[in-house]
C-alpha atoms as a PDB file:
ATOM      1  CA  MET A   1     -28.704  10.366   9.379  1.00  0.00           C
ATOM      2  CA  GLU A   2     -31.300  12.090   7.179  1.00  0.00           C
ATOM      3  CA  ASN A   3     -30.625  15.407   8.917  1.00  0.00           C
ATOM      4  CA  LEU A   4     -26.877  15.304   8.369  1.00  0.00           C
ATOM      5  CA  SER A   5     -25.308  17.388   5.629  1.00  0.00           C
ATOM      6  CA  TYR A   6     -23.332  15.700   2.889  1.00  0.00           C
ATOM      7  CA  GLY A   7     -20.182  17.220   4.360  1.00  0.00           C
ATOM      8  CA  ALA A   8     -20.941  15.623   7.723  1.00  0.00           C
ATOM      9  CA  LEU A   9     -21.655  12.262   6.075  1.00  0.00           C
ATOM     10  CA  ALA A  10     -18.351  12.508   4.213  1.00  0.00           C
ATOM     11  CA  ALA A  11     -16.590  13.292   7.488  1.00  0.00           C
ATOM     12  CA  LEU A  12     -18.161  10.234   9.133  1.00  0.00           C
ATOM     13  CA  LEU A  13     -16.993   8.091   6.238  1.00  0.00           C
ATOM     14  CA  GLY A  14     -13.507   9.564   6.604  1.00  0.00           C
ATOM     15  CA  LEU A  15     -13.619   8.920  10.334  1.00  0.00           C
ATOM     16  CA  ALA A  16     -14.488   5.262   9.755  1.00  0.00           C
ATOM     17  CA  SER A  17     -12.010   4.534   6.957  1.00  0.00           C
ATOM     18  CA  GLY A  18      -9.256   6.597   8.598  1.00  0.00           C
ATOM     19  CA  GLY A  19      -9.907   4.912  11.932  1.00  0.00           C
ATOM     20  CA  ILE A  20      -9.588   1.475  10.362  1.00  0.00           C
ATOM     21  CA  LEU A  21      -6.355   2.468   8.624  1.00  0.00           C
ATOM     22  CA  GLY A  22      -4.904   4.007  11.797  1.00  0.00           C
ATOM     23  CA  LEU A  23      -5.775   0.927  13.832  1.00  0.00           C
ATOM     24  CA  SER A  24      -4.242  -1.408  11.248  1.00  0.00           C
ATOM     25  CA  ALA A  25      -1.071   0.686  11.105  1.00  0.00           C
ATOM     26  CA  ARG A  26      -0.677   0.633  14.870  1.00  0.00           C
ATOM     27  CA  LEU A  27      -1.375  -3.085  15.267  1.00  0.00           C
ATOM     28  CA  GLY A  28      -0.011  -4.364  11.953  1.00  0.00           C
ATOM     29  CA  ASN A  29       3.207  -2.349  11.621  1.00  0.00           C
ATOM     30  CA  PHE A  30       2.120  -0.737   8.349  1.00  0.00           C
ATOM     31  CA  CYS A  31       4.598   2.121   7.923  1.00  0.00           C
ATOM     32  CA  THR A  32       6.403   3.471   4.864  1.00  0.00           C
ATOM     33  CA  LEU A  33       9.661   4.644   6.399  1.00  0.00           C
ATOM     34  CA  GLY A  34       9.858   1.722   8.818  1.00  0.00           C
ATOM     35  CA  ALA A  35       9.451  -0.714   5.935  1.00  0.00           C
ATOM     36  CA  LEU A  36      12.231   0.913   3.905  1.00  0.00           C
ATOM     37  CA  GLU A  37      14.576   1.200   6.874  1.00  0.00           C
ATOM     38  CA  MET A  38      14.132  -2.424   7.948  1.00  0.00           C
ATOM     39  CA  ALA A  39      14.595  -3.709   4.401  1.00  0.00           C
ATOM     40  CA  ALA A  40      17.646  -1.565   3.607  1.00  0.00           C
ATOM     41  CA  TYR A  41      19.479  -1.709   6.918  1.00  0.00           C
ATOM     42  CA  GLY A  42      17.841  -4.413   9.029  1.00  0.00           C
ATOM     43  CA  GLY A  43      17.797  -7.268   6.530  1.00  0.00           C
ATOM     44  CA  ASP A  44      14.073  -7.792   7.152  1.00  0.00           C
ATOM     45  CA  GLN A  45      11.578  -7.310   4.318  1.00  0.00           C
ATOM     46  CA  ARG A  46       8.418  -8.239   6.203  1.00  0.00           C
ATOM     47  CA  ARG A  47       7.068  -4.703   6.475  1.00  0.00           C
ATOM     48  CA  LEU A  48       8.052  -3.922   2.890  1.00  0.00           C
ATOM     49  CA  ARG A  49       6.390  -7.047   1.515  1.00  0.00           C
ATOM     50  CA  LEU A  50       3.300  -6.251   3.587  1.00  0.00           C
ATOM     51  CA  TRP A  51       2.728  -3.446   1.082  1.00  0.00           C
ATOM     52  CA  GLY A  52       2.031  -6.157  -1.497  1.00  0.00           C
ATOM     53  CA  ILE A  53      -0.947  -7.389   0.511  1.00  0.00           C
ATOM     54  CA  VAL A  54      -2.234  -3.873   1.160  1.00  0.00           C
ATOM     55  CA  LEU A  55      -2.021  -2.947  -2.523  1.00  0.00           C
ATOM     56  CA  ALA A  56      -3.511  -6.231  -3.733  1.00  0.00           C
ATOM     57  CA  VAL A  57      -6.588  -5.773  -1.542  1.00  0.00           C
ATOM     58  CA  ALA A  58      -6.940  -2.054  -2.323  1.00  0.00           C
ATOM     59  CA  ILE A  59      -6.684  -2.570  -6.096  1.00  0.00           C
ATOM     60  CA  THR A  60      -9.051  -5.537  -6.125  1.00  0.00           C
ATOM     61  CA  GLY A  61     -11.641  -3.773  -3.987  1.00  0.00           C
ATOM     62  CA  THR A  62     -11.475  -0.619  -6.075  1.00  0.00           C
ATOM     63  CA  PHE A  63     -11.908  -2.333  -9.421  1.00  0.00           C
ATOM     64  CA  LEU A  64     -14.683  -4.537  -8.128  1.00  0.00           C
ATOM     65  CA  GLY A  65     -16.422  -1.246  -7.392  1.00  0.00           C
ATOM     66  CA  VAL A  66     -15.605  -0.013 -10.894  1.00  0.00           C
ATOM     67  CA  SER A  67     -16.969  -3.184 -12.527  1.00  0.00           C
ATOM     68  CA  LEU A  68     -20.189  -2.908 -10.507  1.00  0.00           C
ATOM     69  CA  GLY A  69     -20.636   0.723 -11.465  1.00  0.00           C
ATOM     70  CA  GLN A  70     -20.075   1.913  -7.899  1.00  0.00           C
ATOM     71  CA  ILE A  71     -16.788   3.768  -8.456  1.00  0.00           C
ATOM     72  CA  THR A  72     -16.036   6.141 -11.321  1.00  0.00           C
ATOM     73  CA  LEU A  73     -12.288   6.505 -11.653  1.00  0.00           C
ATOM     74  CA  GLY A  74     -12.677   9.622 -13.762  1.00  0.00           C
ATOM     75  CA  GLU A  75     -14.140  11.443 -10.759  1.00  0.00           C
ATOM     76  CA  THR A  76     -10.956  11.038  -8.713  1.00  0.00           C
ATOM     77  CA  PHE A  77      -8.422  13.828  -9.079  1.00  0.00           C
ATOM     78  CA  TYR A  78      -5.815  11.156  -9.848  1.00  0.00           C
ATOM     79  CA  HIS A  79      -7.563  10.886 -13.228  1.00  0.00           C
ATOM     80  CA  GLN A  80      -9.122  14.347 -13.535  1.00  0.00           C
ATOM     81  CA  LEU A  81      -5.720  16.052 -13.775  1.00  0.00           C
ATOM     82  CA  ALA A  82      -3.264  15.231 -16.529  1.00  0.00           C
ATOM     83  CA  TRP A  83      -0.281  13.416 -15.093  1.00  0.00           C
ATOM     84  CA  ASN A  84       2.853  15.531 -14.795  1.00  0.00           C
ATOM     85  CA  PRO A  85       5.805  13.109 -14.476  1.00  0.00           C
ATOM     86  CA  LEU A  86       8.202  15.852 -13.358  1.00  0.00           C
ATOM     87  CA  ALA A  87       5.871  16.797 -10.492  1.00  0.00           C
ATOM     88  CA  SER A  88       5.632  13.166  -9.405  1.00  0.00           C
ATOM     89  CA  ILE A  89       9.398  12.720  -9.443  1.00  0.00           C
ATOM     90  CA  ALA A  90      10.359  16.048  -7.879  1.00  0.00           C
ATOM     91  CA  GLY A  91       7.560  15.985  -5.333  1.00  0.00           C
ATOM     92  CA  GLY A  92       8.222  12.366  -4.461  1.00  0.00           C
ATOM     93  CA  LEU A  93      11.952  12.917  -3.945  1.00  0.00           C
ATOM     94  CA  ILE A  94      11.332  15.978  -1.759  1.00  0.00           C
ATOM     95  CA  PHE A  95       8.660  14.193   0.242  1.00  0.00           C
ATOM     96  CA  GLY A  96      10.786  11.068   0.717  1.00  0.00           C
ATOM     97  CA  TYR A  97      13.849  13.006   1.837  1.00  0.00           C
ATOM     98  CA  GLY A  98      11.723  15.016   4.261  1.00  0.00           C
ATOM     99  CA  MET A  99      10.157  11.804   5.523  1.00  0.00           C
ATOM    100  CA  ALA A 100      13.574  10.453   6.444  1.00  0.00           C
ATOM    101  CA  LEU A 101      14.519  13.680   8.247  1.00  0.00           C
ATOM    102  CA  ALA A 102      11.209  13.808  10.113  1.00  0.00           C
ATOM    103  CA  GLY A 103      11.345  10.133  11.035  1.00  0.00           C
ATOM    104  CA  ASN A 104       7.856   9.489   9.632  1.00  0.00           C
ATOM    105  CA  CYS A 105       5.538  10.380   6.796  1.00  0.00           C
ATOM    106  CA  GLY A 106       2.458  12.470   7.539  1.00  0.00           C
ATOM    107  CA  PHE A 107       0.327   9.386   8.020  1.00  0.00           C
ATOM    108  CA  GLY A 108       2.945   7.781  10.256  1.00  0.00           C
ATOM    109  CA  ALA A 109       3.191  10.972  12.328  1.00  0.00           C
ATOM    110  CA  LEU A 110      -0.582  10.924  12.880  1.00  0.00           C
ATOM    111  CA  VAL A 111      -0.333   7.299  13.983  1.00  0.00           C
ATOM    112  CA  ARG A 112       2.527   8.027  16.363  1.00  0.00           C
ATOM    113  CA  PHE A 113       0.725  11.046  17.780  1.00  0.00           C
ATOM    114  CA  GLY A 114      -2.184   8.736  18.493  1.00  0.00           C
ATOM    115  CA  GLY A 115       0.267   6.700  20.556  1.00  0.00           C
ATOM    116  CA  GLY A 116       1.352   9.702  22.648  1.00  0.00           C
ATOM    117  CA  ASP A 117       4.350  11.003  20.685  1.00  0.00           C
ATOM    118  CA  LEU A 118       4.199  14.793  21.007  1.00  0.00           C
ATOM    119  CA  ARG A 119       7.075  15.225  18.553  1.00  0.00           C
ATOM    120  CA  SER A 120       4.780  13.889  15.866  1.00  0.00           C
ATOM    121  CA  LEU A 121       2.262  16.625  16.602  1.00  0.00           C
ATOM    122  CA  VAL A 122       4.925  19.169  15.615  1.00  0.00           C
ATOM    123  CA  VAL A 123       5.589  17.221  12.411  1.00  0.00           C
ATOM    124  CA  VAL A 124       1.880  17.089  11.563  1.00  0.00           C
ATOM    125  CA  VAL A 125       1.277  20.799  12.131  1.00  0.00           C
ATOM    126  CA  VAL A 126       4.372  21.963  10.223  1.00  0.00           C
ATOM    127  CA  MET A 127       3.633  19.623   7.317  1.00  0.00           C
ATOM    128  CA  GLY A 128       0.031  20.824   7.094  1.00  0.00           C
ATOM    129  CA  VAL A 129       1.064  24.482   7.148  1.00  0.00           C
ATOM    130  CA  PHE A 130       3.753  24.091   4.485  1.00  0.00           C
ATOM    131  CA  GLY A 131       1.391  22.009   2.389  1.00  0.00           C
ATOM    132  CA  PHE A 132      -1.014  24.935   2.230  1.00  0.00           C
ATOM    133  CA  ILE A 133       1.815  27.432   1.712  1.00  0.00           C
ATOM    134  CA  THR A 134       2.580  25.434  -1.435  1.00  0.00           C
ATOM    135  CA  LEU A 135      -1.016  24.729  -2.425  1.00  0.00           C
ATOM    136  CA  SER A 136      -2.577  28.163  -2.111  1.00  0.00           C
ATOM    137  CA  GLY A 137      -0.085  30.381  -0.265  1.00  0.00           C
ATOM    138  CA  PRO A 138       3.075  32.267  -1.231  1.00  0.00           C
ATOM    139  CA  LEU A 139       4.656  29.284  -3.004  1.00  0.00           C
ATOM    140  CA  ALA A 140       1.576  28.550  -5.111  1.00  0.00           C
ATOM    141  CA  PRO A 141       2.557  30.808  -8.072  1.00  0.00           C
ATOM    142  CA  LEU A 142       5.993  29.178  -8.253  1.00  0.00           C
ATOM    143  CA  ARG A 143       4.434  25.717  -8.060  1.00  0.00           C
ATOM    144  CA  ILE A 144       2.022  26.508 -10.871  1.00  0.00           C
ATOM    145  CA  ALA A 145       4.783  27.998 -13.012  1.00  0.00           C
ATOM    146  CA  LEU A 146       7.118  25.040 -12.569  1.00  0.00           C
ATOM    147  CA  PHE A 147       4.535  22.259 -12.489  1.00  0.00           C
ATOM    148  CA  PRO A 148       1.391  23.394 -14.328  1.00  0.00           C
ATOM    149  CA  GLN A 149      -1.752  21.304 -13.932  1.00  0.00           C
ATOM    150  CA  GLU A 150      -4.129  20.653 -16.799  1.00  0.00           C
ATOM    151  CA  ALA A 151      -7.394  18.765 -17.042  1.00  0.00           C
ATOM    152  CA  ALA A 152      -7.074  15.225 -18.347  1.00  0.00           C
ATOM    153  CA  ALA A 153      -8.920  14.151 -21.481  1.00  0.00           C
ATOM    154  CA  GLY A 154     -10.108  10.978 -19.740  1.00  0.00           C
ATOM    155  CA  GLU A 155      -9.026   8.215 -17.407  1.00  0.00           C
ATOM    156  CA  GLN A 156      -5.256   7.843 -17.390  1.00  0.00           C
ATOM    157  CA  GLY A 157      -3.669   4.752 -16.004  1.00  0.00           C
ATOM    158  CA  LEU A 158      -2.774   1.148 -16.650  1.00  0.00           C
ATOM    159  CA  SER A 159      -6.301  -0.271 -16.828  1.00  0.00           C
ATOM    160  CA  ALA A 160      -7.509   2.361 -19.325  1.00  0.00           C
ATOM    161  CA  PHE A 161      -4.346   1.930 -21.403  1.00  0.00           C
ATOM    162  CA  VAL A 162      -4.677  -1.867 -21.589  1.00  0.00           C
ATOM    163  CA  GLU A 163      -8.385  -1.639 -22.361  1.00  0.00           C
ATOM    164  CA  GLY A 164      -7.745   0.787 -25.200  1.00  0.00           C
ATOM    165  CA  LEU A 165      -4.841  -1.293 -26.517  1.00  0.00           C
ATOM    166  CA  ILE A 166      -6.291  -4.813 -26.504  1.00  0.00           C
ATOM    167  CA  GLY A 167      -9.809  -4.415 -25.129  1.00  0.00           C
ATOM    168  CA  LEU A 168      -9.109  -6.217 -21.840  1.00  0.00           C
ATOM    169  CA  PRO A 169     -11.669  -5.282 -19.148  1.00  0.00           C
ATOM    170  CA  PRO A 170     -10.228  -3.112 -16.346  1.00  0.00           C
ATOM    171  CA  LEU A 171     -11.096  -5.711 -13.686  1.00  0.00           C
ATOM    172  CA  VAL A 172      -8.977  -8.351 -15.423  1.00  0.00           C
ATOM    173  CA  THR A 173      -5.976  -6.024 -15.536  1.00  0.00           C
ATOM    174  CA  ALA A 174      -6.516  -5.098 -11.889  1.00  0.00           C
ATOM    175  CA  LEU A 175      -6.739  -8.739 -10.804  1.00  0.00           C
ATOM    176  CA  ALA A 176      -3.515  -9.545 -12.666  1.00  0.00           C
ATOM    177  CA  VAL A 177      -1.680  -6.673 -10.956  1.00  0.00           C
ATOM    178  CA  SER A 178      -3.148  -7.678  -7.581  1.00  0.00           C
ATOM    179  CA  ALA A 179      -2.065 -11.284  -8.082  1.00  0.00           C
ATOM    180  CA  ALA A 180       1.490 -10.125  -8.838  1.00  0.00           C
ATOM    181  CA  PHE A 181       1.608  -8.011  -5.676  1.00  0.00           C
ATOM    182  CA  LEU A 182       0.161 -10.840  -3.602  1.00  0.00           C
ATOM    183  CA  ALA A 183       2.677 -13.339  -4.977  1.00  0.00           C
ATOM    184  CA  TRP A 184       5.511 -10.921  -4.206  1.00  0.00           C
ATOM    185  CA  ALA A 185       4.271 -10.504  -0.644  1.00  0.00           C
ATOM    186  CA  LEU A 186       3.623 -14.181   0.079  1.00  0.00           C
ATOM    187  CA  GLY A 187       6.877 -15.226  -1.570  1.00  0.00           C
ATOM    188  CA  TYR A 188       8.687 -14.013   1.547  1.00  0.00           C
ATOM    189  CA  GLY A 189       8.664 -16.725   4.207  1.00  0.00           C
ATOM    190  CA  PRO A 190       9.065 -14.510   7.308  1.00  0.00           C
ATOM    191  CA  LEU A 191       5.912 -12.605   6.348  1.00  0.00           C
ATOM    192  CA  ARG A 192       3.940 -15.803   5.770  1.00  0.00           C
ATOM    193  CA  ARG A 193       4.792 -16.769   9.328  1.00  0.00           C
ATOM    194  CA  GLN A 194       3.138 -13.587  10.625  1.00  0.00           C
ATOM    195  CA  PRO A 195      -0.606 -14.147  10.024  1.00  0.00           C
ATOM    196  CA  GLY A 196      -1.508 -11.252  12.287  1.00  0.00           C
ATOM    197  CA  GLU A 197       0.457  -8.730  10.235  1.00  0.00           C
ATOM    198  CA  MET A 198      -0.986 -10.139   7.004  1.00  0.00           C
ATOM    199  CA  ALA A 199      -4.520  -9.840   8.392  1.00  0.00           C
ATOM    200  CA  TRP A 200      -3.968  -6.204   9.307  1.00  0.00           C
ATOM    201  CA  GLY A 201      -2.565  -5.634   5.823  1.00  0.00           C
ATOM    202  CA  VAL A 202      -5.862  -6.892   4.419  1.00  0.00           C
ATOM    203  CA  VAL A 203      -7.711  -4.509   6.740  1.00  0.00           C
ATOM    204  CA  ALA A 204      -5.559  -1.555   5.635  1.00  0.00           C
ATOM    205  CA  GLY A 205      -6.219  -2.289   1.960  1.00  0.00           C
ATOM    206  CA  ALA A 206      -9.941  -2.628   2.639  1.00  0.00           C
ATOM    207  CA  ALA A 207      -9.952   0.800   4.339  1.00  0.00           C
ATOM    208  CA  VAL A 208      -8.627   2.379   1.143  1.00  0.00           C
ATOM    209  CA  GLY A 209     -11.305   0.657  -0.912  1.00  0.00           C
ATOM    210  CA  LEU A 210     -13.982   1.708   1.583  1.00  0.00           C
ATOM    211  CA  ALA A 211     -13.006   5.361   1.167  1.00  0.00           C
ATOM    212  CA  LEU A 212     -13.324   5.223  -2.625  1.00  0.00           C
ATOM    213  CA  TRP A 213     -16.590   3.270  -2.528  1.00  0.00           C
ATOM    214  CA  GLY A 214     -18.125   5.550   0.086  1.00  0.00           C
ATOM    215  CA  THR A 215     -17.147   8.868  -1.466  1.00  0.00           C
ATOM    216  CA  SER A 216     -18.330   7.598  -4.860  1.00  0.00           C
ATOM    217  CA  TRP A 217     -21.766   6.919  -3.369  1.00  0.00           C
ATOM    218  CA  LEU A 218     -21.848  10.336  -1.733  1.00  0.00           C
ATOM    219  CA  ASN A 219     -20.728  11.916  -4.997  1.00  0.00           C
ATOM    220  CA  ARG A 220     -23.767  10.458  -6.760  1.00  0.00           C
ATOM    221  CA  GLU A 221     -26.183  11.223  -3.933  1.00  0.00           C
ATOM    222  CA  SER A 222     -24.974  14.829  -3.597  1.00  0.00           C
ATOM    223  CA  PHE A 223     -24.880  15.450  -7.374  1.00  0.00           C
ATOM    224  CA  GLY A 224     -21.170  16.176  -7.203  1.00  0.00           C
ATOM    225  CA  GLU A 225     -21.115  18.212  -4.007  1.00  0.00           C
ATOM    226  CA  VAL A 226     -18.846  15.586  -2.423  1.00  0.00           C
ATOM    227  CA  GLY A 227     -15.832  14.591  -4.495  1.00  0.00           C
ATOM    228  CA  VAL A 228     -14.538  11.049  -4.936  1.00  0.00           C
ATOM    229  CA  GLU A 229     -11.524  10.860  -2.633  1.00  0.00           C
ATOM    230  CA  GLY A 230      -9.000   8.369  -1.428  1.00  0.00           C
ATOM    231  CA  LEU A 231      -7.176   8.453   1.880  1.00  0.00           C
ATOM    232  CA  SER A 232      -4.272  10.912   1.781  1.00  0.00           C
ATOM    233  CA  PHE A 233      -2.433  12.919   4.412  1.00  0.00           C
ATOM    234  CA  THR A 234      -0.691  16.054   3.161  1.00  0.00           C
ATOM    235  CA  ALA A 235      -3.164  18.738   2.072  1.00  0.00           C
ATOM    236  CA  PRO A 236      -5.912  17.013   4.125  1.00  0.00           C
ATOM    237  CA  VAL A 237      -3.879  17.715   7.277  1.00  0.00           C
ATOM    238  CA  GLY A 238      -3.872  21.412   6.363  1.00  0.00           C
ATOM    239  CA  ARG A 239      -7.622  21.301   5.726  1.00  0.00           C
ATOM    240  CA  THR A 240      -8.113  19.756   9.150  1.00  0.00           C
ATOM    241  CA  LEU A 241      -6.103  22.530  10.794  1.00  0.00           C
ATOM    242  CA  MET A 242      -8.221  25.085   8.941  1.00  0.00           C
ATOM    243  CA  TYR A 243     -11.404  23.388  10.113  1.00  0.00           C
ATOM    244  CA  LEU A 244     -10.237  23.304  13.726  1.00  0.00           C
ATOM    245  CA  MET A 245      -9.539  27.043  13.578  1.00  0.00           C
ATOM    246  CA  THR A 246     -12.567  28.137  11.540  1.00  0.00           C
ATOM    247  CA  SER A 247     -15.244  25.467  12.019  1.00  0.00           C
ATOM    248  CA  THR A 248     -18.036  28.012  12.351  1.00  0.00           C
ATOM    249  CA  ALA A 249     -17.374  28.947   8.730  1.00  0.00           C
ATOM    250  CA  GLY A 250     -18.004  25.342   7.628  1.00  0.00           C
ATOM    251  CA  GLY A 251     -15.471  23.036   6.064  1.00  0.00           C
ATOM    252  CA  LEU A 252     -16.417  19.662   7.568  1.00  0.00           C
ATOM    253  CA  ASN A 253     -15.473  17.102   4.932  1.00  0.00           C
ATOM    254  CA  PHE A 254     -13.945  13.715   4.226  1.00  0.00           C
ATOM    255  CA  SER A 255     -10.373  14.934   4.785  1.00  0.00           C
ATOM    256  CA  VAL A 256     -11.133  16.215   8.279  1.00  0.00           C
ATOM    257  CA  GLY A 257     -12.803  12.957   9.237  1.00  0.00           C
ATOM    258  CA  ALA A 258      -9.960  10.850   7.826  1.00  0.00           C
ATOM    259  CA  VAL A 259      -7.251  12.728   9.715  1.00  0.00           C
ATOM    260  CA  MET A 260      -9.180  12.554  12.981  1.00  0.00           C
ATOM    261  CA  GLY A 261     -10.005   8.919  12.304  1.00  0.00           C
ATOM    262  CA  VAL A 262      -6.366   7.904  11.890  1.00  0.00           C
ATOM    263  CA  MET A 263      -5.456   9.487  15.212  1.00  0.00           C
ATOM    264  CA  GLY A 264      -8.458   7.885  16.893  1.00  0.00           C
ATOM    265  CA  GLY A 265      -7.711   4.455  15.437  1.00  0.00           C
ATOM    266  CA  ALA A 266      -4.052   4.703  16.439  1.00  0.00           C
ATOM    267  CA  LEU A 267      -5.055   5.752  19.957  1.00  0.00           C
ATOM    268  CA  ALA A 268      -7.424   2.796  20.236  1.00  0.00           C
ATOM    269  CA  GLY A 269      -4.709   0.414  19.040  1.00  0.00           C
ATOM    270  CA  SER A 270      -2.160   1.884  21.454  1.00  0.00           C
ATOM    271  CA  LEU A 271      -4.497   1.534  24.415  1.00  0.00           C
ATOM    272  CA  TRP A 272      -5.488  -1.976  23.359  1.00  0.00           C
ATOM    273  CA  ARG A 273      -1.880  -3.169  23.242  1.00  0.00           C
ATOM    274  CA  GLY A 274      -0.742  -1.061  26.206  1.00  0.00           C
ATOM    275  CA  MET A 275       1.641   0.874  23.958  1.00  0.00           C
ATOM    276  CA  PHE A 276       0.460   4.403  24.749  1.00  0.00           C
ATOM    277  CA  ARG A 277       3.383   6.449  26.060  1.00  0.00           C
ATOM    278  CA  TRP A 278       3.864  10.204  26.295  1.00  0.00           C
ATOM    279  CA  GLU A 279       7.066  11.118  24.471  1.00  0.00           C
ATOM    280  CA  ALA A 280       8.762  14.445  23.798  1.00  0.00           C
ATOM    281  CA  CYS A 281      11.904  15.662  22.089  1.00  0.00           C
ATOM    282  CA  GLU A 282      14.904  16.192  24.359  1.00  0.00           C
ATOM    283  CA  ASP A 283      17.406  17.189  21.659  1.00  0.00           C
ATOM    284  CA  PRO A 284      16.880  20.588  19.971  1.00  0.00           C
ATOM    285  CA  ARG A 285      18.870  19.416  16.937  1.00  0.00           C
ATOM    286  CA  GLU A 286      16.544  16.451  16.525  1.00  0.00           C
ATOM    287  CA  LEU A 287      13.506  18.711  16.711  1.00  0.00           C
ATOM    288  CA  GLY A 288      15.030  21.060  14.137  1.00  0.00           C
ATOM    289  CA  ARG A 289      15.646  18.149  11.789  1.00  0.00           C
ATOM    290  CA  GLN A 290      12.070  16.939  12.205  1.00  0.00           C
ATOM    291  CA  VAL A 291      10.633  20.399  11.573  1.00  0.00           C
ATOM    292  CA  GLY A 292      12.728  20.741   8.419  1.00  0.00           C
ATOM    293  CA  GLY A 293      11.650  17.298   7.253  1.00  0.00           C
ATOM    294  CA  ALA A 294       7.992  18.096   7.913  1.00  0.00           C
ATOM    295  CA  ALA A 295       8.265  21.296   5.847  1.00  0.00           C
ATOM    296  CA  LEU A 296       9.761  19.336   2.953  1.00  0.00           C
ATOM    297  CA  MET A 297       6.977  16.757   3.184  1.00  0.00           C
ATOM    298  CA  GLY A 298       4.365  19.501   2.977  1.00  0.00           C
ATOM    299  CA  VAL A 299       5.949  20.929  -0.156  1.00  0.00           C
ATOM    300  CA  GLY A 300       6.674  17.574  -1.787  1.00  0.00           C
ATOM    301  CA  GLY A 301       3.292  16.057  -1.006  1.00  0.00           C
ATOM    302  CA  VAL A 302       1.449  18.929  -2.690  1.00  0.00           C
ATOM    303  CA  LEU A 303       3.735  18.860  -5.739  1.00  0.00           C
ATOM    304  CA  ALA A 304       3.215  15.108  -6.150  1.00  0.00           C
ATOM    305  CA  LEU A 305      -0.541  15.357  -5.465  1.00  0.00           C
ATOM    306  CA  GLY A 306      -0.282  12.969  -2.559  1.00  0.00           C
ATOM    307  CA  CYS A 307       1.881  11.344   0.087  1.00  0.00           C
ATOM    308  CA  SER A 308       3.117   7.795   0.541  1.00  0.00           C
ATOM    309  CA  VAL A 309      -0.476   6.765   1.284  1.00  0.00           C
ATOM    310  CA  GLY A 310      -2.272   9.181  -1.044  1.00  0.00           C
ATOM    311  CA  GLN A 311      -0.208   8.249  -4.095  1.00  0.00           C
ATOM    312  CA  GLY A 312       1.400   5.046  -2.838  1.00  0.00           C
ATOM    313  CA  VAL A 313      -1.859   3.312  -1.937  1.00  0.00           C
ATOM    314  CA  SER A 314      -4.980   5.327  -2.873  1.00  0.00           C
ATOM    315  CA  ALA A 315      -3.776   6.368  -6.344  1.00  0.00           C
ATOM    316  CA  PHE A 316      -2.251   2.922  -6.807  1.00  0.00           C
ATOM    317  CA  ALA A 317      -5.655   1.428  -6.057  1.00  0.00           C
ATOM    318  CA  THR A 318      -6.954   3.226  -9.168  1.00  0.00           C
ATOM    319  CA  LEU A 319      -3.873   2.129 -11.176  1.00  0.00           C
ATOM    320  CA  ALA A 320      -3.083   5.753 -12.005  1.00  0.00           C
ATOM    321  CA  TRP A 321       0.204   6.345 -13.843  1.00  0.00           C
ATOM    322  CA  SER A 322       1.358   8.725 -11.126  1.00  0.00           C
ATOM    323  CA  ALA A 323       1.273   6.127  -8.353  1.00  0.00           C
ATOM    324  CA  PRO A 324       4.265   3.843  -9.077  1.00  0.00           C
ATOM    325  CA  VAL A 325       6.456   6.750 -10.211  1.00  0.00           C
ATOM    326  CA  THR A 326       5.676   8.835  -7.118  1.00  0.00           C
ATOM    327  CA  LEU A 327       6.077   5.879  -4.768  1.00  0.00           C
ATOM    328  CA  ALA A 328       9.450   5.004  -6.324  1.00  0.00           C
ATOM    329  CA  ALA A 329      10.581   8.631  -6.006  1.00  0.00           C
ATOM    330  CA  ILE A 330       9.466   8.731  -2.359  1.00  0.00           C
ATOM    331  CA  ALA A 331      11.402   5.538  -1.651  1.00  0.00           C
ATOM    332  CA  ALA A 332      14.515   6.896  -3.394  1.00  0.00           C
ATOM    333  CA  GLY A 333      14.347  10.191  -1.513  1.00  0.00           C
ATOM    334  CA  ALA A 334      13.856   8.400   1.784  1.00  0.00           C
ATOM    335  CA  LEU A 335      16.820   6.082   1.199  1.00  0.00           C
ATOM    336  CA  VAL A 336      19.045   9.079   0.398  1.00  0.00           C
ATOM    337  CA  GLY A 337      17.849  10.766   3.589  1.00  0.00           C
ATOM    338  CA  LEU A 338      18.406   7.665   5.702  1.00  0.00           C
ATOM    339  CA  ARG A 339      21.894   7.249   4.275  1.00  0.00           C
ATOM    340  CA  ARG A 340      22.707  10.845   5.156  1.00  0.00           C
ATOM    341  CA  LEU A 341      21.409  10.433   8.717  1.00  0.00           C
ATOM    342  CA  ILE A 342      23.404   7.249   9.229  1.00  0.00           C
ATOM    343  CA  GLY A 343      26.517   8.963   7.870  1.00  0.00           C
ATOM    344  CA  VAL A 344      26.068  11.910  10.242  1.00  0.00           C
ATOM    345  CA  ALA A 345      25.514   9.584  13.192  1.00  0.00           C
ATOM    346  CA  ALA A 346      28.705   7.707  12.362  1.00  0.00           C
ATOM    347  CA  GLU A 347      30.840  10.855  12.360  1.00  0.00           C
END
């Protein structure tokens, strides 16, 4: 381990935390679009309420790290950049609508590809490419003009706001929010009767906390060479594609490890449960819809500074202002997209 570069150590951490998250998604049914679809049209809120457990564990773990001096929220880009509400709303809506068209978010596509779904590989590649087109390619000037990014003056989020307002320690605020999420999750009887799903929800939340704890340690050890990162799957997918094409030029980092880890964890879960199946698209119209949705996810995820996992879980774990707004916008966009797809199917 002493001979490994900090980039390689970050990649190993990403591989571990991403692998845990991918395994929990495959075995515990942790999926953004699936949760929304089942709740809105299937009358079953189990997968939606599972988010309460994931968030409760992620928030608690993160702020335990903060209270012990192991995590510095100000080093995460969720708090380094001033929050732009319009970017969160617009990016979230675009991402959510694209997610519905593609049939999965970026994270979900990685999980499904780990289970043998070749359609998801197309979604992943297109999303990664369009993410970088928006981040640093031809669409970057338009993005910057419409949604400028500025450095934040300090930590921005619920815990910092409450501490400044009434002096309440951040951990107390975090525990209160976690308790509310946990009560919301466990208040649904059908979920309580699924201990396996709840256990995997705990594992998923712990994976998010592990990423923040680990990258914080590497950030200190490397004197800032490694940034403090949470698990996210829009721009990191593009970075992974770049690494796979230009690895001799360097670029091994946490993002690459996390993306590969999710696929590896999903593959392990699929093989464990005997769920691995090669699948391909037989309908050109379906493939076109998925490609279009993936492109929208790439654009929206970069505008919102994260996907359903990056903002919806990792940023939420830090109680950043952007997290609930972006997650709500993603959900709204996805529901509009699902409604459109159901209407088309009924015609």
